[in-house]
N, C-alpha and C. Protein backbone atom coordinates (compact mmCIF):
# COMPACT_ATOMS: atom_id res chain seq x y z
N MET A 1 0.85 -1.17 0.00
CA MET A 1 0.00 0.00 0.00
C MET A 1 0.89 1.23 0.00
N SER A 2 0.63 2.18 -0.91
CA SER A 2 1.47 3.38 -1.01
C SER A 2 1.04 4.42 0.00
N GLU A 3 2.00 5.26 0.35
CA GLU A 3 1.71 6.33 1.30
C GLU A 3 1.01 7.47 0.58
N PRO A 4 0.05 8.12 1.23
CA PRO A 4 -0.61 9.26 0.59
C PRO A 4 0.35 10.43 0.46
N GLN A 5 0.26 11.14 -0.65
CA GLN A 5 1.12 12.29 -0.87
C GLN A 5 0.50 13.52 -0.22
N GLU A 6 1.37 14.38 0.31
CA GLU A 6 0.89 15.63 0.87
C GLU A 6 0.60 16.65 -0.22
N SER A 7 1.31 16.55 -1.31
CA SER A 7 1.09 17.51 -2.39
C SER A 7 -0.07 17.05 -3.27
N GLY A 8 -0.51 17.93 -4.14
CA GLY A 8 -1.63 17.63 -5.03
C GLY A 8 -1.20 16.80 -6.21
N ILE A 9 -1.84 17.01 -7.32
CA ILE A 9 -1.58 16.23 -8.52
C ILE A 9 -0.24 16.61 -9.14
N ARG A 10 0.33 15.70 -9.91
CA ARG A 10 1.60 15.95 -10.61
C ARG A 10 1.30 16.34 -12.05
N LEU A 11 1.91 17.41 -12.49
CA LEU A 11 1.72 17.89 -13.85
C LEU A 11 3.06 17.91 -14.57
N ASP A 12 3.04 17.49 -15.81
CA ASP A 12 4.24 17.48 -16.63
C ASP A 12 4.43 18.85 -17.26
N SER A 13 5.66 19.36 -17.22
CA SER A 13 5.94 20.69 -17.76
C SER A 13 5.68 20.78 -19.26
N MET A 14 6.05 19.74 -20.00
CA MET A 14 5.84 19.77 -21.45
C MET A 14 4.36 19.73 -21.81
N THR A 15 3.56 19.06 -21.01
CA THR A 15 2.12 19.03 -21.25
C THR A 15 1.53 20.42 -21.08
N LEU A 16 2.03 21.16 -20.13
CA LEU A 16 1.56 22.53 -19.92
C LEU A 16 2.16 23.50 -20.93
N ALA A 17 3.39 23.25 -21.34
CA ALA A 17 4.08 24.17 -22.25
C ALA A 17 3.56 24.08 -23.67
N GLY A 18 3.07 22.93 -24.09
CA GLY A 18 2.59 22.76 -25.46
C GLY A 18 1.49 23.73 -25.86
N PRO A 19 0.40 23.81 -25.10
CA PRO A 19 -0.65 24.77 -25.46
C PRO A 19 -0.18 26.23 -25.41
N VAL A 20 0.69 26.54 -24.47
CA VAL A 20 1.22 27.91 -24.38
C VAL A 20 2.06 28.22 -25.61
N ALA A 21 2.88 27.27 -26.05
CA ALA A 21 3.71 27.47 -27.23
C ALA A 21 2.86 27.63 -28.49
N ILE A 22 1.82 26.83 -28.63
CA ILE A 22 0.93 26.94 -29.78
C ILE A 22 0.19 28.28 -29.75
N LEU A 23 -0.22 28.72 -28.57
CA LEU A 23 -0.86 30.03 -28.42
C LEU A 23 0.06 31.14 -28.92
N PHE A 24 1.34 31.07 -28.58
CA PHE A 24 2.26 32.12 -29.00
C PHE A 24 2.63 32.01 -30.48
N PHE A 25 2.59 30.82 -31.06
CA PHE A 25 2.75 30.70 -32.50
C PHE A 25 1.61 31.42 -33.22
N ILE A 26 0.39 31.15 -32.78
CA ILE A 26 -0.78 31.79 -33.38
C ILE A 26 -0.75 33.29 -33.14
N LEU A 27 -0.36 33.71 -31.95
CA LEU A 27 -0.27 35.13 -31.62
C LEU A 27 0.76 35.84 -32.50
N THR A 28 1.87 35.19 -32.77
CA THR A 28 2.91 35.79 -33.62
C THR A 28 2.42 35.92 -35.05
N VAL A 29 1.76 34.90 -35.58
CA VAL A 29 1.23 34.98 -36.95
C VAL A 29 0.17 36.09 -37.02
N PHE A 30 -0.68 36.18 -36.02
CA PHE A 30 -1.70 37.23 -35.97
C PHE A 30 -1.06 38.61 -35.90
N LEU A 31 0.01 38.73 -35.13
CA LEU A 31 0.73 40.00 -35.00
C LEU A 31 1.30 40.44 -36.34
N PHE A 32 1.90 39.52 -37.07
CA PHE A 32 2.45 39.85 -38.38
C PHE A 32 1.34 40.17 -39.38
N ARG A 33 0.25 39.46 -39.29
CA ARG A 33 -0.85 39.66 -40.24
C ARG A 33 -1.50 41.03 -40.06
N THR A 34 -1.67 41.48 -38.84
CA THR A 34 -2.44 42.69 -38.60
C THR A 34 -1.59 43.94 -38.34
N TRP A 35 -0.44 43.79 -37.71
CA TRP A 35 0.31 44.96 -37.28
C TRP A 35 1.59 45.22 -38.06
N SER A 36 2.02 44.34 -38.94
CA SER A 36 3.33 44.49 -39.58
C SER A 36 3.50 45.78 -40.39
N PRO A 37 2.47 46.35 -41.03
CA PRO A 37 2.72 47.58 -41.77
C PRO A 37 2.86 48.82 -40.88
N LEU A 38 2.50 48.75 -39.63
CA LEU A 38 2.50 49.93 -38.76
C LEU A 38 3.87 50.19 -38.14
N PRO A 39 4.18 51.45 -37.85
CA PRO A 39 5.49 51.76 -37.28
C PRO A 39 5.68 51.25 -35.84
N VAL A 40 4.60 50.94 -35.15
CA VAL A 40 4.69 50.45 -33.77
C VAL A 40 4.98 48.95 -33.71
N PHE A 41 5.03 48.30 -34.87
CA PHE A 41 5.21 46.85 -34.94
C PHE A 41 6.47 46.35 -34.25
N PRO A 42 7.67 46.94 -34.47
CA PRO A 42 8.86 46.42 -33.78
C PRO A 42 8.75 46.49 -32.25
N ILE A 43 8.06 47.51 -31.75
CA ILE A 43 7.88 47.62 -30.30
C ILE A 43 6.99 46.49 -29.80
N LEU A 44 5.93 46.21 -30.54
CA LEU A 44 5.04 45.11 -30.16
C LEU A 44 5.76 43.76 -30.24
N LEU A 45 6.57 43.59 -31.28
CA LEU A 45 7.25 42.31 -31.47
C LEU A 45 8.33 42.10 -30.42
N TRP A 46 9.22 43.07 -30.25
CA TRP A 46 10.36 42.91 -29.36
C TRP A 46 10.06 43.25 -27.91
N GLY A 47 9.00 44.00 -27.65
CA GLY A 47 8.64 44.36 -26.29
C GLY A 47 7.40 43.67 -25.79
N GLY A 48 6.35 43.71 -26.60
CA GLY A 48 5.08 43.15 -26.18
C GLY A 48 5.04 41.64 -26.09
N LEU A 49 5.66 40.98 -27.05
CA LEU A 49 5.65 39.51 -27.06
C LEU A 49 6.38 38.91 -25.86
N PRO A 50 7.59 39.38 -25.51
CA PRO A 50 8.23 38.84 -24.30
C PRO A 50 7.47 39.14 -23.02
N VAL A 51 6.88 40.33 -22.93
CA VAL A 51 6.10 40.68 -21.73
C VAL A 51 4.85 39.81 -21.64
N ALA A 52 4.18 39.60 -22.77
CA ALA A 52 3.01 38.72 -22.78
C ALA A 52 3.41 37.30 -22.38
N ALA A 53 4.55 36.84 -22.88
CA ALA A 53 5.04 35.50 -22.51
C ALA A 53 5.28 35.42 -21.01
N PHE A 54 5.86 36.46 -20.45
CA PHE A 54 6.13 36.48 -19.01
C PHE A 54 4.83 36.34 -18.22
N PHE A 55 3.81 37.12 -18.58
CA PHE A 55 2.57 37.07 -17.81
C PHE A 55 1.81 35.76 -18.00
N VAL A 56 1.80 35.22 -19.19
CA VAL A 56 1.11 33.94 -19.42
C VAL A 56 1.81 32.82 -18.66
N VAL A 57 3.14 32.79 -18.76
CA VAL A 57 3.90 31.74 -18.06
C VAL A 57 3.77 31.90 -16.55
N THR A 58 3.78 33.12 -16.05
CA THR A 58 3.60 33.34 -14.61
C THR A 58 2.23 32.87 -14.15
N PHE A 59 1.19 33.15 -14.94
CA PHE A 59 -0.15 32.68 -14.59
C PHE A 59 -0.22 31.16 -14.56
N VAL A 60 0.35 30.52 -15.56
CA VAL A 60 0.35 29.05 -15.60
C VAL A 60 1.18 28.50 -14.45
N ASN A 61 2.29 29.16 -14.11
CA ASN A 61 3.09 28.73 -12.96
C ASN A 61 2.28 28.79 -11.67
N MET A 62 1.50 29.86 -11.50
CA MET A 62 0.66 29.97 -10.30
C MET A 62 -0.40 28.88 -10.26
N ALA A 63 -1.01 28.59 -11.40
CA ALA A 63 -2.00 27.52 -11.46
C ALA A 63 -1.36 26.17 -11.17
N THR A 64 -0.14 25.97 -11.68
CA THR A 64 0.56 24.71 -11.42
C THR A 64 0.93 24.59 -9.95
N GLN A 65 1.37 25.69 -9.35
CA GLN A 65 1.67 25.67 -7.91
C GLN A 65 0.44 25.30 -7.09
N GLN A 66 -0.70 25.89 -7.44
CA GLN A 66 -1.93 25.59 -6.71
C GLN A 66 -2.30 24.11 -6.85
N ALA A 67 -2.09 23.56 -8.03
CA ALA A 67 -2.46 22.16 -8.26
C ALA A 67 -1.48 21.19 -7.61
N THR A 68 -0.18 21.51 -7.63
CA THR A 68 0.79 20.56 -7.11
C THR A 68 1.13 20.79 -5.64
N CYS A 69 1.28 22.04 -5.23
CA CYS A 69 1.70 22.33 -3.86
C CYS A 69 0.54 22.73 -2.95
N ARG A 70 -0.60 22.97 -3.53
CA ARG A 70 -1.80 23.42 -2.81
C ARG A 70 -1.62 24.77 -2.13
N ARG A 71 -0.70 25.54 -2.66
CA ARG A 71 -0.50 26.93 -2.22
C ARG A 71 0.21 27.66 -3.34
N VAL A 72 0.13 28.98 -3.32
CA VAL A 72 0.75 29.78 -4.37
C VAL A 72 1.83 30.66 -3.77
N ASP A 73 3.02 30.57 -4.33
CA ASP A 73 4.13 31.44 -3.97
C ASP A 73 4.39 32.35 -5.17
N ALA A 74 3.87 33.59 -5.08
CA ALA A 74 3.96 34.52 -6.21
C ALA A 74 5.40 34.83 -6.59
N GLY A 75 6.29 34.90 -5.62
CA GLY A 75 7.69 35.19 -5.90
C GLY A 75 8.33 34.14 -6.79
N LYS A 76 8.07 32.87 -6.46
CA LYS A 76 8.60 31.78 -7.30
C LYS A 76 7.94 31.77 -8.67
N ALA A 77 6.65 32.09 -8.72
CA ALA A 77 5.95 32.10 -10.00
C ALA A 77 6.51 33.20 -10.91
N PHE A 78 6.75 34.38 -10.35
CA PHE A 78 7.34 35.47 -11.13
C PHE A 78 8.77 35.14 -11.54
N LEU A 79 9.51 34.53 -10.64
CA LEU A 79 10.88 34.13 -10.96
C LEU A 79 10.88 33.06 -12.06
N GLY A 80 9.90 32.19 -12.06
CA GLY A 80 9.78 31.17 -13.09
C GLY A 80 9.35 31.74 -14.44
N GLY A 81 8.82 32.96 -14.46
CA GLY A 81 8.44 33.59 -15.71
C GLY A 81 9.58 34.32 -16.40
N VAL A 82 10.64 34.63 -15.66
CA VAL A 82 11.77 35.37 -16.23
C VAL A 82 12.46 34.63 -17.38
N PRO A 83 12.69 33.31 -17.28
CA PRO A 83 13.33 32.64 -18.42
C PRO A 83 12.54 32.75 -19.73
N SER A 84 11.23 32.89 -19.63
CA SER A 84 10.44 33.02 -20.86
C SER A 84 10.73 34.33 -21.58
N ILE A 85 11.00 35.39 -20.83
CA ILE A 85 11.37 36.67 -21.45
C ILE A 85 12.68 36.50 -22.22
N LEU A 86 13.64 35.91 -21.56
CA LEU A 86 14.97 35.75 -22.17
C LEU A 86 14.93 34.82 -23.38
N THR A 87 14.21 33.73 -23.27
CA THR A 87 14.19 32.78 -24.39
C THR A 87 13.39 33.32 -25.57
N VAL A 88 12.33 34.09 -25.32
CA VAL A 88 11.59 34.69 -26.43
C VAL A 88 12.46 35.72 -27.15
N LEU A 89 13.21 36.52 -26.40
CA LEU A 89 14.13 37.46 -27.04
C LEU A 89 15.20 36.72 -27.84
N LEU A 90 15.68 35.61 -27.31
CA LEU A 90 16.66 34.80 -28.06
C LEU A 90 16.03 34.21 -29.32
N GLY A 91 14.80 33.73 -29.21
CA GLY A 91 14.09 33.19 -30.38
C GLY A 91 13.85 34.25 -31.44
N LEU A 92 13.48 35.46 -31.02
CA LEU A 92 13.28 36.55 -31.98
C LEU A 92 14.60 36.95 -32.64
N ALA A 93 15.67 36.96 -31.86
CA ALA A 93 16.99 37.29 -32.43
C ALA A 93 17.40 36.24 -33.45
N LEU A 94 17.16 34.99 -33.15
CA LEU A 94 17.49 33.91 -34.08
C LEU A 94 16.64 34.01 -35.34
N ALA A 95 15.37 34.36 -35.17
CA ALA A 95 14.47 34.49 -36.32
C ALA A 95 14.81 35.72 -37.17
N SER A 96 15.54 36.65 -36.62
CA SER A 96 15.93 37.84 -37.38
C SER A 96 16.99 37.54 -38.43
N VAL A 97 17.67 36.43 -38.29
CA VAL A 97 18.71 36.03 -39.24
C VAL A 97 18.04 35.41 -40.46
N THR A 98 18.31 35.96 -41.61
CA THR A 98 17.66 35.52 -42.84
C THR A 98 17.89 34.03 -43.11
N TYR A 99 19.09 33.57 -42.91
CA TYR A 99 19.42 32.17 -43.20
C TYR A 99 18.68 31.20 -42.27
N CYS A 100 18.26 31.68 -41.12
CA CYS A 100 17.48 30.82 -40.21
C CYS A 100 16.01 30.76 -40.62
N ARG A 101 15.53 31.80 -41.29
CA ARG A 101 14.11 31.83 -41.69
C ARG A 101 13.83 31.09 -42.99
N ILE A 102 14.84 30.93 -43.84
CA ILE A 102 14.61 30.30 -45.15
C ILE A 102 14.07 28.87 -45.05
N PRO A 103 14.63 28.00 -44.20
CA PRO A 103 14.06 26.64 -44.13
C PRO A 103 12.61 26.62 -43.66
N VAL A 104 12.27 27.50 -42.71
CA VAL A 104 10.90 27.55 -42.21
C VAL A 104 9.98 28.11 -43.30
N ALA A 105 10.44 29.15 -43.98
CA ALA A 105 9.63 29.72 -45.07
C ALA A 105 9.44 28.73 -46.20
N SER A 106 10.43 27.89 -46.45
CA SER A 106 10.30 26.89 -47.52
C SER A 106 9.21 25.88 -47.21
N VAL A 107 8.92 25.68 -45.94
CA VAL A 107 7.85 24.75 -45.55
C VAL A 107 6.49 25.45 -45.58
N PHE A 108 6.42 26.66 -45.01
CA PHE A 108 5.12 27.33 -44.88
C PHE A 108 4.69 28.09 -46.12
N ALA A 109 5.62 28.60 -46.92
CA ALA A 109 5.25 29.41 -48.08
C ALA A 109 4.37 28.66 -49.09
N PRO A 110 4.68 27.41 -49.44
CA PRO A 110 3.77 26.72 -50.38
C PRO A 110 2.36 26.54 -49.82
N LEU A 111 2.23 26.42 -48.52
CA LEU A 111 0.91 26.28 -47.92
C LEU A 111 0.12 27.58 -47.99
N ILE A 112 0.82 28.71 -47.85
CA ILE A 112 0.16 30.01 -47.83
C ILE A 112 0.00 30.57 -49.24
N VAL A 113 1.05 30.47 -50.05
CA VAL A 113 1.03 31.03 -51.41
C VAL A 113 0.19 30.16 -52.34
N GLY A 114 0.29 28.86 -52.18
CA GLY A 114 -0.47 27.95 -53.02
C GLY A 114 0.33 27.33 -54.14
N GLU A 115 1.62 27.58 -54.20
CA GLU A 115 2.47 26.95 -55.20
C GLU A 115 3.88 26.80 -54.65
N ASP A 116 4.64 25.90 -55.26
CA ASP A 116 6.01 25.66 -54.82
C ASP A 116 6.89 26.86 -55.18
N LEU A 117 7.79 27.19 -54.26
CA LEU A 117 8.70 28.31 -54.48
C LEU A 117 10.11 27.89 -54.13
N ASN A 118 11.06 28.43 -54.84
CA ASN A 118 12.46 28.25 -54.52
C ASN A 118 12.92 29.54 -53.85
N ILE A 119 12.97 29.54 -52.53
CA ILE A 119 13.29 30.75 -51.77
C ILE A 119 14.79 30.85 -51.60
N VAL A 120 15.33 32.00 -51.98
CA VAL A 120 16.77 32.26 -51.88
C VAL A 120 16.99 33.45 -50.97
N PRO A 121 18.19 33.56 -50.37
CA PRO A 121 18.42 34.60 -49.38
C PRO A 121 18.63 36.00 -49.92
N ASN A 122 19.11 36.16 -51.12
CA ASN A 122 19.47 37.50 -51.57
C ASN A 122 18.48 38.01 -52.61
N ASN A 123 18.72 39.20 -53.07
CA ASN A 123 17.82 39.81 -54.03
C ASN A 123 18.16 39.47 -55.48
N SER A 124 18.95 38.44 -55.71
CA SER A 124 19.27 38.04 -57.08
C SER A 124 18.13 37.23 -57.71
N ALA A 125 17.10 37.00 -56.96
CA ALA A 125 15.95 36.25 -57.48
C ALA A 125 15.12 37.15 -58.40
N THR A 126 14.22 36.55 -59.11
CA THR A 126 13.40 37.30 -60.05
C THR A 126 12.29 38.07 -59.36
N ASN A 127 11.91 37.70 -58.14
CA ASN A 127 10.89 38.38 -57.34
C ASN A 127 9.54 38.50 -58.03
N SER A 128 9.16 37.47 -58.69
CA SER A 128 7.84 37.43 -59.30
C SER A 128 7.36 35.99 -59.27
N LEU A 129 6.13 35.82 -58.86
CA LEU A 129 5.59 34.46 -58.81
C LEU A 129 5.30 33.92 -60.20
N ASN A 130 5.22 34.78 -61.20
CA ASN A 130 4.98 34.34 -62.57
C ASN A 130 6.28 34.13 -63.34
N ALA A 131 7.43 34.27 -62.68
CA ALA A 131 8.71 34.15 -63.37
C ALA A 131 8.98 32.72 -63.83
N GLY A 132 8.33 31.75 -63.26
CA GLY A 132 8.57 30.36 -63.65
C GLY A 132 7.75 29.93 -64.85
N ARG A 133 7.05 30.83 -65.47
CA ARG A 133 6.22 30.48 -66.63
C ARG A 133 6.87 31.04 -67.90
N ASN A 134 6.78 30.28 -68.98
CA ASN A 134 7.33 30.77 -70.24
C ASN A 134 6.25 31.54 -71.01
N ARG A 135 6.50 31.89 -72.23
CA ARG A 135 5.58 32.74 -72.99
C ARG A 135 4.24 32.08 -73.26
N THR A 136 4.21 30.79 -73.35
CA THR A 136 2.94 30.10 -73.62
C THR A 136 2.22 29.74 -72.33
N ALA A 137 2.70 30.27 -71.21
CA ALA A 137 2.09 30.11 -69.89
C ALA A 137 2.14 28.68 -69.37
N LYS A 138 3.04 27.88 -69.91
CA LYS A 138 3.25 26.54 -69.36
C LYS A 138 4.30 26.62 -68.27
N ARG A 139 4.15 25.78 -67.32
CA ARG A 139 5.07 25.76 -66.19
C ARG A 139 6.41 25.19 -66.63
N CYS A 140 7.49 25.93 -66.42
CA CYS A 140 8.79 25.42 -66.83
C CYS A 140 9.68 25.08 -65.63
N CYS A 141 9.52 25.78 -64.56
CA CYS A 141 10.36 25.51 -63.39
C CYS A 141 9.72 26.16 -62.17
N THR A 142 10.29 25.90 -61.02
CA THR A 142 9.81 26.50 -59.79
C THR A 142 10.28 27.96 -59.73
N PRO A 143 9.39 28.90 -59.44
CA PRO A 143 9.81 30.29 -59.37
C PRO A 143 10.87 30.50 -58.28
N ARG A 144 11.86 31.31 -58.62
CA ARG A 144 12.93 31.61 -57.68
C ARG A 144 12.69 33.01 -57.14
N VAL A 145 12.37 33.10 -55.87
CA VAL A 145 12.04 34.38 -55.25
C VAL A 145 12.87 34.57 -54.00
N SER A 146 13.06 35.83 -53.62
CA SER A 146 13.82 36.11 -52.40
C SER A 146 12.91 36.00 -51.19
N LEU A 147 13.52 35.74 -50.06
CA LEU A 147 12.77 35.64 -48.81
C LEU A 147 12.08 36.96 -48.50
N GLU A 148 12.76 38.07 -48.75
CA GLU A 148 12.19 39.38 -48.46
C GLU A 148 10.92 39.62 -49.28
N TYR A 149 10.95 39.21 -50.55
CA TYR A 149 9.78 39.39 -51.40
C TYR A 149 8.60 38.56 -50.89
N VAL A 150 8.84 37.32 -50.55
CA VAL A 150 7.75 36.46 -50.08
C VAL A 150 7.18 36.98 -48.77
N GLU A 151 8.05 37.44 -47.86
CA GLU A 151 7.56 37.95 -46.57
C GLU A 151 6.82 39.27 -46.71
N GLN A 152 7.19 40.10 -47.68
CA GLN A 152 6.45 41.34 -47.91
C GLN A 152 5.12 41.07 -48.58
N ALA A 153 5.11 40.17 -49.54
CA ALA A 153 3.87 39.88 -50.26
C ALA A 153 2.89 39.07 -49.40
N PHE A 154 3.42 38.22 -48.54
CA PHE A 154 2.59 37.37 -47.69
C PHE A 154 3.09 37.47 -46.25
N PRO A 155 2.55 38.40 -45.45
CA PRO A 155 3.01 38.57 -44.06
C PRO A 155 2.81 37.32 -43.20
N ASP A 156 1.89 36.45 -43.60
CA ASP A 156 1.69 35.21 -42.84
C ASP A 156 2.93 34.32 -42.89
N VAL A 157 3.67 34.38 -43.98
CA VAL A 157 4.92 33.60 -44.08
C VAL A 157 5.92 34.12 -43.06
N ALA A 158 6.05 35.45 -42.97
CA ALA A 158 6.95 36.03 -41.98
C ALA A 158 6.48 35.69 -40.57
N GLY A 159 5.17 35.71 -40.35
CA GLY A 159 4.63 35.33 -39.04
C GLY A 159 4.94 33.89 -38.68
N CYS A 160 4.85 33.00 -39.65
CA CYS A 160 5.18 31.59 -39.41
C CYS A 160 6.68 31.42 -39.16
N ASP A 161 7.51 32.20 -39.89
CA ASP A 161 8.96 32.14 -39.67
C ASP A 161 9.31 32.51 -38.25
N TYR A 162 8.82 33.65 -37.81
CA TYR A 162 9.11 34.11 -36.46
C TYR A 162 8.38 33.26 -35.42
N GLY A 163 7.13 32.88 -35.72
CA GLY A 163 6.34 32.07 -34.79
C GLY A 163 6.97 30.73 -34.50
N PHE A 164 7.63 30.14 -35.48
CA PHE A 164 8.31 28.86 -35.29
C PHE A 164 9.37 28.98 -34.20
N TYR A 165 10.21 29.99 -34.30
CA TYR A 165 11.27 30.16 -33.31
C TYR A 165 10.74 30.62 -31.96
N VAL A 166 9.69 31.43 -31.96
CA VAL A 166 9.07 31.85 -30.70
C VAL A 166 8.43 30.65 -30.01
N MET A 167 7.80 29.78 -30.79
CA MET A 167 7.15 28.60 -30.21
C MET A 167 8.17 27.72 -29.49
N PHE A 168 9.28 27.43 -30.13
CA PHE A 168 10.27 26.57 -29.48
C PHE A 168 11.00 27.29 -28.35
N SER A 169 11.15 28.59 -28.45
CA SER A 169 11.78 29.31 -27.34
C SER A 169 10.86 29.35 -26.13
N ILE A 170 9.55 29.46 -26.36
CA ILE A 170 8.59 29.40 -25.25
C ILE A 170 8.64 28.02 -24.59
N LEU A 171 8.73 26.97 -25.38
CA LEU A 171 8.83 25.62 -24.80
C LEU A 171 10.04 25.53 -23.87
N PHE A 172 11.17 26.00 -24.34
CA PHE A 172 12.39 25.93 -23.54
C PHE A 172 12.27 26.79 -22.29
N GLY A 173 11.84 28.04 -22.45
CA GLY A 173 11.72 28.95 -21.31
C GLY A 173 10.68 28.49 -20.30
N PHE A 174 9.58 27.94 -20.81
CA PHE A 174 8.52 27.49 -19.91
C PHE A 174 8.99 26.31 -19.07
N VAL A 175 9.60 25.33 -19.69
CA VAL A 175 10.05 24.15 -18.96
C VAL A 175 11.10 24.53 -17.92
N PHE A 176 12.04 25.38 -18.31
CA PHE A 176 13.06 25.82 -17.36
C PHE A 176 12.45 26.63 -16.23
N GLY A 177 11.58 27.58 -16.55
CA GLY A 177 10.96 28.40 -15.53
C GLY A 177 10.00 27.63 -14.64
N ASN A 178 9.28 26.68 -15.21
CA ASN A 178 8.34 25.90 -14.43
C ASN A 178 9.08 25.01 -13.43
N SER A 179 10.29 24.58 -13.78
CA SER A 179 11.07 23.78 -12.82
C SER A 179 11.50 24.62 -11.63
N ILE A 180 11.65 25.91 -11.82
CA ILE A 180 11.98 26.81 -10.72
C ILE A 180 10.73 27.10 -9.89
N ALA A 181 9.62 27.34 -10.57
CA ALA A 181 8.40 27.82 -9.91
C ALA A 181 7.66 26.75 -9.12
N THR A 182 7.78 25.50 -9.49
CA THR A 182 6.93 24.48 -8.86
C THR A 182 7.66 23.64 -7.83
N ILE A 183 8.75 24.14 -7.29
CA ILE A 183 9.39 23.44 -6.18
C ILE A 183 8.62 23.76 -4.92
N CYS A 184 8.02 22.75 -4.32
CA CYS A 184 7.18 22.96 -3.13
C CYS A 184 8.01 23.19 -1.89
């Protein structure tokens, strides 16, 4: 016969981090879709997203503390939210590098644009989705376009590029922070 535990239920950090990471992926795509043309966009991306991550992770940490420890220690919950700020900033910095966004854009761009694209890093591309067609309008090859052109023409591609790195950075920050916050 096992001894009864004094603490509440046990929750896995990755089980809790998954929905939070998906939420921030969707939030990042929404941010790029609606706010990218505005001048306040970099402030929202680099300031608002990490702060939102901090508050969401802190709230989930408090809920996890209540479920596992049957009490809430706000100091530990806030301390557990700090890694999410740092990892989201790291994820955004990594997503700012063009060469890091190309593989992600190569996956999401055909889903959003509706046709296969050969995405290249520099502006030596033809920058036209009709460039792969010859004079008789038959398909001759995959259009070669630059990443900048695809992200400007389709902000959802840029949102998916950044959202991918934000999603995985939230997973890392949440798991690390939750291990700090839920020590009873």
